Amino acid sequence: MEGPIVRHVERRARRLRDMIDSLDVDEIALTRLERGEAYVQARNNCLRCASVGECLHWLQSANEKNAAPAFCPNRSLFNKCRRHLV
């Protein structure tokens, strides 16, 4: 049986994945950064993020994704690990 907490975690994990894909983040670089601690922090930031509506709107927009949005708590981390910068 799937409860509300499980659904919440799954939605946030999916959103984290969508953000990583939209920004062309190098997942290997992200998971290796700070021996994996940066990825753990990114996941936790996403779980606690209060900008859910803004995030969904940004992900669904047709705008070019040149950088993580200002409201994203993982902005600097994602921008640091984008493929074109690595």
C-alpha atoms as a PDB file:
ATOM      1  CA  MET A   1       0.000   0.000   0.000  1.00  0.00           C
ATOM      2  CA  GLU A   2       1.362   3.338  -1.064  1.00  0.00           C
ATOM      3  CA  GLY A   3       0.940   6.177   1.403  1.00  0.00           C
ATOM      4  CA  PRO A   4       1.136   9.943   0.988  1.00  0.00           C
ATOM      5  CA  ILE A   5       4.754  10.125   2.105  1.00  0.00           C
ATOM      6  CA  VAL A   6       5.839   7.589  -0.498  1.00  0.00           C
ATOM      7  CA  ARG A   7       3.964   9.494  -3.213  1.00  0.00           C
ATOM      8  CA  HIS A   8       5.537  12.771  -2.046  1.00  0.00           C
ATOM      9  CA  VAL A   9       9.052  11.303  -2.204  1.00  0.00           C
ATOM     10  CA  GLU A  10       8.403   9.762  -5.617  1.00  0.00           C
ATOM     11  CA  ARG A  11       7.075  13.047  -7.047  1.00  0.00           C
ATOM     12  CA  ARG A  12      10.070  14.972  -5.723  1.00  0.00           C
ATOM     13  CA  ALA A  13      12.502  12.330  -7.030  1.00  0.00           C
ATOM     14  CA  ARG A  14      10.844  12.555 -10.452  1.00  0.00           C
ATOM     15  CA  ARG A  15      11.115  16.351 -10.361  1.00  0.00           C
ATOM     16  CA  LEU A  16      14.809  16.124  -9.437  1.00  0.00           C
ATOM     17  CA  ARG A  17      15.331  13.767 -12.390  1.00  0.00           C
ATOM     18  CA  ASP A  18      13.422  16.126 -14.709  1.00  0.00           C
ATOM     19  CA  MET A  19      15.528  19.083 -13.575  1.00  0.00           C
ATOM     20  CA  ILE A  20      18.761  17.127 -14.097  1.00  0.00           C
ATOM     21  CA  ASP A  21      17.618  16.103 -17.589  1.00  0.00           C
ATOM     22  CA  SER A  22      16.366  19.582 -18.545  1.00  0.00           C
ATOM     23  CA  LEU A  23      19.626  21.212 -17.545  1.00  0.00           C
ATOM     24  CA  ASP A  24      21.819  18.503 -19.094  1.00  0.00           C
ATOM     25  CA  VAL A  25      23.550  17.897 -15.765  1.00  0.00           C
ATOM     26  CA  ASP A  26      26.380  15.373 -15.843  1.00  0.00           C
ATOM     27  CA  GLU A  27      25.109  12.823 -13.354  1.00  0.00           C
ATOM     28  CA  ILE A  28      28.482  11.192 -12.892  1.00  0.00           C
ATOM     29  CA  ALA A  29      30.043  14.528 -11.984  1.00  0.00           C
ATOM     30  CA  LEU A  30      27.118  15.261  -9.678  1.00  0.00           C
ATOM     31  CA  THR A  31      27.310  11.939  -7.852  1.00  0.00           C
ATOM     32  CA  ARG A  32      31.095  12.124  -7.480  1.00  0.00           C
ATOM     33  CA  LEU A  33      31.138  15.691  -6.210  1.00  0.00           C
ATOM     34  CA  GLU A  34      32.092  15.802  -2.542  1.00  0.00           C
ATOM     35  CA  ARG A  35      32.121  11.972  -2.491  1.00  0.00           C
ATOM     36  CA  GLY A  36      28.392  11.767  -3.109  1.00  0.00           C
ATOM     37  CA  GLU A  37      27.424  14.259  -0.424  1.00  0.00           C
ATOM     38  CA  ALA A  38      26.468  16.915  -2.978  1.00  0.00           C
ATOM     39  CA  TYR A  39      23.922  14.563  -4.555  1.00  0.00           C
ATOM     40  CA  VAL A  40      22.502  13.668  -1.147  1.00  0.00           C
ATOM     41  CA  GLN A  41      22.165  17.361  -0.371  1.00  0.00           C
ATOM     42  CA  ALA A  42      20.506  18.019  -3.748  1.00  0.00           C
ATOM     43  CA  ARG A  43      18.003  15.233  -3.111  1.00  0.00           C
ATOM     44  CA  ASN A  44      17.245  16.555   0.372  1.00  0.00           C
ATOM     45  CA  ASN A  45      16.900  20.113  -0.946  1.00  0.00           C
ATOM     46  CA  CYS A  46      14.388  18.898  -3.493  1.00  0.00           C
ATOM     47  CA  LEU A  47      12.413  16.969  -0.869  1.00  0.00           C
ATOM     48  CA  ARG A  48      12.087  20.100   1.286  1.00  0.00           C
ATOM     49  CA  CYS A  49      11.698  22.660  -1.503  1.00  0.00           C
ATOM     50  CA  ALA A  50       8.834  25.125  -1.099  1.00  0.00           C
ATOM     51  CA  SER A  51       8.869  26.182  -4.773  1.00  0.00           C
ATOM     52  CA  VAL A  52       6.916  23.223  -6.135  1.00  0.00           C
ATOM     53  CA  GLY A  53       4.559  25.256  -8.326  1.00  0.00           C
ATOM     54  CA  GLU A  54       7.353  27.381  -9.740  1.00  0.00           C
ATOM     55  CA  CYS A  55       9.422  24.280 -10.417  1.00  0.00           C
ATOM     56  CA  LEU A  56       6.624  22.523 -12.290  1.00  0.00           C
ATOM     57  CA  HIS A  57       5.898  25.639 -14.339  1.00  0.00           C
ATOM     58  CA  TRP A  58       9.581  26.096 -15.195  1.00  0.00           C
ATOM     59  CA  LEU A  59       9.976  22.444 -16.192  1.00  0.00           C
ATOM     60  CA  GLN A  60       6.878  22.564 -18.405  1.00  0.00           C
ATOM     61  CA  SER A  61       7.787  25.862 -20.078  1.00  0.00           C
ATOM     62  CA  ALA A  62       9.142  25.924 -23.589  1.00  0.00           C
ATOM     63  CA  ASN A  63      11.873  28.360 -22.567  1.00  0.00           C
ATOM     64  CA  GLU A  64      15.466  27.416 -23.202  1.00  0.00           C
ATOM     65  CA  LYS A  65      17.044  25.971 -20.074  1.00  0.00           C
ATOM     66  CA  ASN A  66      20.336  27.909 -19.979  1.00  0.00           C
ATOM     67  CA  ALA A  67      20.680  27.760 -16.200  1.00  0.00           C
ATOM     68  CA  ALA A  68      18.828  26.480 -13.179  1.00  0.00           C
ATOM     69  CA  PRO A  69      16.120  28.920 -12.077  1.00  0.00           C
ATOM     70  CA  ALA A  70      16.815  31.390  -9.282  1.00  0.00           C
ATOM     71  CA  PHE A  71      14.228  29.781  -6.972  1.00  0.00           C
ATOM     72  CA  CYS A  72      15.936  26.361  -7.112  1.00  0.00           C
ATOM     73  CA  PRO A  73      17.894  25.473  -3.956  1.00  0.00           C
ATOM     74  CA  ASN A  74      20.179  23.333  -6.143  1.00  0.00           C
ATOM     75  CA  ARG A  75      20.922  26.100  -8.639  1.00  0.00           C
ATOM     76  CA  SER A  76      24.654  26.446  -8.010  1.00  0.00           C
ATOM     77  CA  LEU A  77      25.190  22.696  -7.834  1.00  0.00           C
ATOM     78  CA  PHE A  78      23.319  22.017 -11.082  1.00  0.00           C
ATOM     79  CA  ASN A  79      25.026  24.873 -12.881  1.00  0.00           C
ATOM     80  CA  LYS A  80      28.418  23.586 -11.702  1.00  0.00           C
ATOM     81  CA  CYS A  81      27.734  20.098 -13.087  1.00  0.00           C
ATOM     82  CA  ARG A  82      26.207  20.959 -16.468  1.00  0.00           C
ATOM     83  CA  ARG A  83      27.800  18.977 -19.304  1.00  0.00           C
ATOM     84  CA  HIS A  84      28.838  22.011 -21.328  1.00  0.00           C
ATOM     85  CA  LEU A  85      30.900  23.193 -18.350  1.00  0.00           C
ATOM     86  CA  VAL A  86      32.529  19.877 -17.483  1.00  0.00           C
END
